[in-house]
Protein backbone atom coordinates (compact mmCIF):
# COMPACT_ATOMS: atom_id res chain seq x y z
CA MET A 1 17.41 33.05 -15.96
CA LEU A 2 16.53 29.48 -16.94
CA PHE A 3 13.41 27.76 -15.70
CA ASN A 4 12.81 24.05 -15.49
CA PHE A 5 9.21 23.53 -16.55
CA LYS A 6 9.36 19.75 -16.25
CA LYS A 7 6.82 18.57 -13.77
CA MET A 8 8.45 16.71 -10.91
CA LYS A 9 7.37 13.16 -10.35
CA PRO A 10 5.03 13.10 -7.33
CA THR A 11 6.44 11.76 -4.10
CA GLU A 12 5.14 8.24 -3.71
CA ARG A 13 3.32 7.43 -0.50
CA VAL A 14 4.01 3.70 -0.54
CA LEU A 15 7.13 1.81 -1.65
CA VAL A 16 8.25 -1.81 -1.48
CA THR A 17 11.60 -3.34 -0.52
CA PRO A 18 13.33 -5.73 -2.94
CA GLU A 19 12.78 -8.59 -0.48
CA ALA A 20 9.04 -7.94 -0.22
CA SER A 21 8.88 -7.50 -3.99
CA LYS A 22 10.20 -11.06 -4.48
CA ILE A 23 7.43 -12.44 -2.28
CA ILE A 24 4.79 -10.35 -4.07
CA LYS A 25 5.96 -11.75 -7.41
CA GLN A 26 5.85 -15.29 -6.00
CA LEU A 27 2.29 -14.72 -4.77
CA GLN A 28 1.27 -13.20 -8.11
CA GLU A 29 2.49 -16.33 -9.89
CA GLU A 30 0.31 -18.45 -7.63
CA TYR A 31 -2.78 -16.24 -7.21
CA GLY A 32 -2.76 -13.75 -10.10
CA GLU A 33 -3.62 -10.10 -9.46
CA LEU A 34 -3.25 -8.96 -5.85
CA MET A 35 -4.16 -6.02 -3.64
CA PHE A 36 -3.08 -4.76 -0.22
CA HIS A 37 -5.11 -3.28 2.64
CA GLN A 38 -4.14 -2.00 6.06
CA SER A 39 -7.09 -1.60 8.38
CA GLY A 40 -5.50 -0.60 11.65
CA GLY A 41 -7.62 -3.07 13.56
CA CYS A 42 -6.31 -4.91 16.57
CA CYS A 43 -3.67 -7.60 16.42
CA ASP A 44 -2.65 -8.36 12.84
CA GLY A 45 -5.17 -5.90 11.42
CA SER A 46 -2.54 -3.20 11.77
CA GLN A 47 -0.17 -4.95 9.37
CA PRO A 48 -0.56 -4.67 5.60
CA MET A 49 -2.54 -7.62 4.34
CA CYS A 50 -2.29 -9.11 0.86
CA PHE A 51 -5.39 -10.49 -0.86
CA GLU A 52 -6.36 -11.67 -4.30
CA LYS A 53 -7.62 -8.62 -6.17
CA GLY A 54 -11.28 -8.07 -5.28
CA GLU A 55 -11.27 -10.42 -2.27
CA PHE A 56 -11.34 -7.45 0.10
CA LYS A 57 -14.04 -4.92 -0.68
CA VAL A 58 -12.92 -1.31 -0.49
CA GLY A 59 -15.17 1.73 -0.46
CA GLY A 60 -15.60 5.26 0.80
CA SER A 61 -13.99 4.50 4.16
CA ASP A 62 -10.72 3.43 2.50
CA VAL A 63 -7.94 5.46 0.87
CA TYR A 64 -6.09 4.34 -2.26
CA MET A 65 -2.45 5.29 -1.69
CA GLY A 66 -0.81 3.97 -4.85
CA ASP A 67 0.50 0.74 -6.34
CA ILE A 68 3.36 -1.51 -5.35
CA ASP A 69 4.49 -4.07 -7.93
CA GLY A 70 1.21 -3.59 -9.80
CA CYS A 71 -0.91 -4.14 -6.66
CA ALA A 72 -3.26 -1.44 -5.39
CA PHE A 73 -2.52 -0.43 -1.79
CA PHE A 74 -5.40 0.78 0.39
CA MET A 75 -5.60 1.95 3.98
CA ALA A 76 -8.60 2.54 6.22
CA SER A 77 -9.26 6.29 6.18
CA ASP A 78 -9.02 6.63 9.96
CA GLN A 79 -5.56 5.02 9.85
CA PHE A 80 -4.55 7.22 6.94
CA GLU A 81 -5.07 10.25 9.19
CA TYR A 82 -2.30 8.88 11.43
CA TRP A 83 0.01 7.85 8.58
CA ARG A 84 -0.58 10.69 6.08
CA HIS A 85 2.73 12.39 6.95
CA THR A 86 4.83 9.26 6.44
CA GLN A 87 6.13 7.32 3.49
CA LEU A 88 5.40 3.63 3.90
CA ASN A 89 7.91 1.02 2.80
CA ILE A 90 6.40 -2.45 2.64
CA ASP A 91 8.86 -5.08 3.80
CA ILE A 92 8.74 -8.77 4.67
CA SER A 93 9.67 -10.46 7.93
CA PRO A 94 9.87 -14.06 9.11
CA GLY A 95 7.06 -15.14 11.38
CA ARG A 96 3.48 -16.20 11.10
CA GLY A 97 0.79 -13.68 11.72
CA SER A 98 -2.76 -14.69 12.47
CA SER A 99 -4.37 -12.98 9.51
CA PHE A 100 -5.83 -14.07 6.20
CA SER A 101 -2.98 -12.46 4.27
CA LEU A 102 -1.66 -14.65 1.46
CA GLU A 103 1.98 -14.72 2.62
CA ILE A 104 1.19 -16.22 6.04
CA PRO A 105 1.40 -19.89 4.93
CA LEU A 106 4.95 -19.16 3.73
CA GLY A 107 5.96 -18.41 7.33
CA LEU A 108 6.34 -14.72 6.45
CA ARG A 109 4.44 -11.52 7.05
CA PHE A 110 4.38 -8.13 5.39
CA ILE A 111 5.32 -5.27 7.69
CA ILE A 112 5.53 -1.50 7.35
CA ARG A 113 8.63 0.56 7.81
CA SER A 114 8.02 4.27 7.65
CA ARG A 115 9.64 7.66 7.73
CA LEU A 116 8.31 11.20 7.84
CA PHE A 117 8.16 13.08 4.56
CA THR A 118 10.53 16.03 4.21
CA ASP A 119 9.00 19.48 3.78
CA GLU A 120 9.95 19.38 0.09
CA GLU A 121 8.36 15.95 -0.40
CA THR A 122 5.19 17.09 1.35
CA LYS A 123 4.76 19.83 -1.25
CA ASN A 124 4.78 17.22 -4.02
CA LEU A 125 2.86 14.28 -2.54
CA GLN A 126 1.04 11.81 -4.73
CA GLU A 127 -2.67 12.52 -4.39
CA VAL A 128 -4.96 9.97 -2.79
CA ILE A 129 -8.53 9.03 -3.61
CA SER A 130 -11.15 7.04 -1.76
CA GLY A 131 -11.62 3.35 -2.40
CA GLU A 132 -15.04 4.20 -3.81
CA GLU A 133 -13.50 6.62 -6.33
CA TYR A 134 -10.89 3.97 -7.19
CA ASN A 135 -13.62 1.42 -7.87
CA GLU A 136 -15.47 3.87 -10.12
CA LEU A 137 -12.29 4.58 -12.10
CA GLN A 138 -11.71 0.84 -12.59
CA LEU A 139 -15.12 0.57 -14.29
CA LEU A 140 -14.27 3.20 -16.93
């Protein structure tokens, strides 16, 4: 009997579409390093928002879910409890939101498309850490 001892790559919690990736790269050229946060607040607070890295302070009440195009993606921990069983795919859509997200002046907005993880994917999910733990790791 042969065994495959290679560790499987963890199932990513957050992905990005090619269309959204183009906009992220455009924003990176203009603003430099970026980050994303989804708060789950009312109105546009429930959409992923893009900021210059460090412009939005994250801490113990936020969850770091992974990176998209080199940008850290955070979610408010109470929202994460609702979304923890889904894989997020960050996309872009025409239309102006009323948030402070960097893509808004382009007449675009980031949106989330999602799907439930399969049972197999759930067994191999990428681990999450708090925003506070993320910040501490960045100082090392």
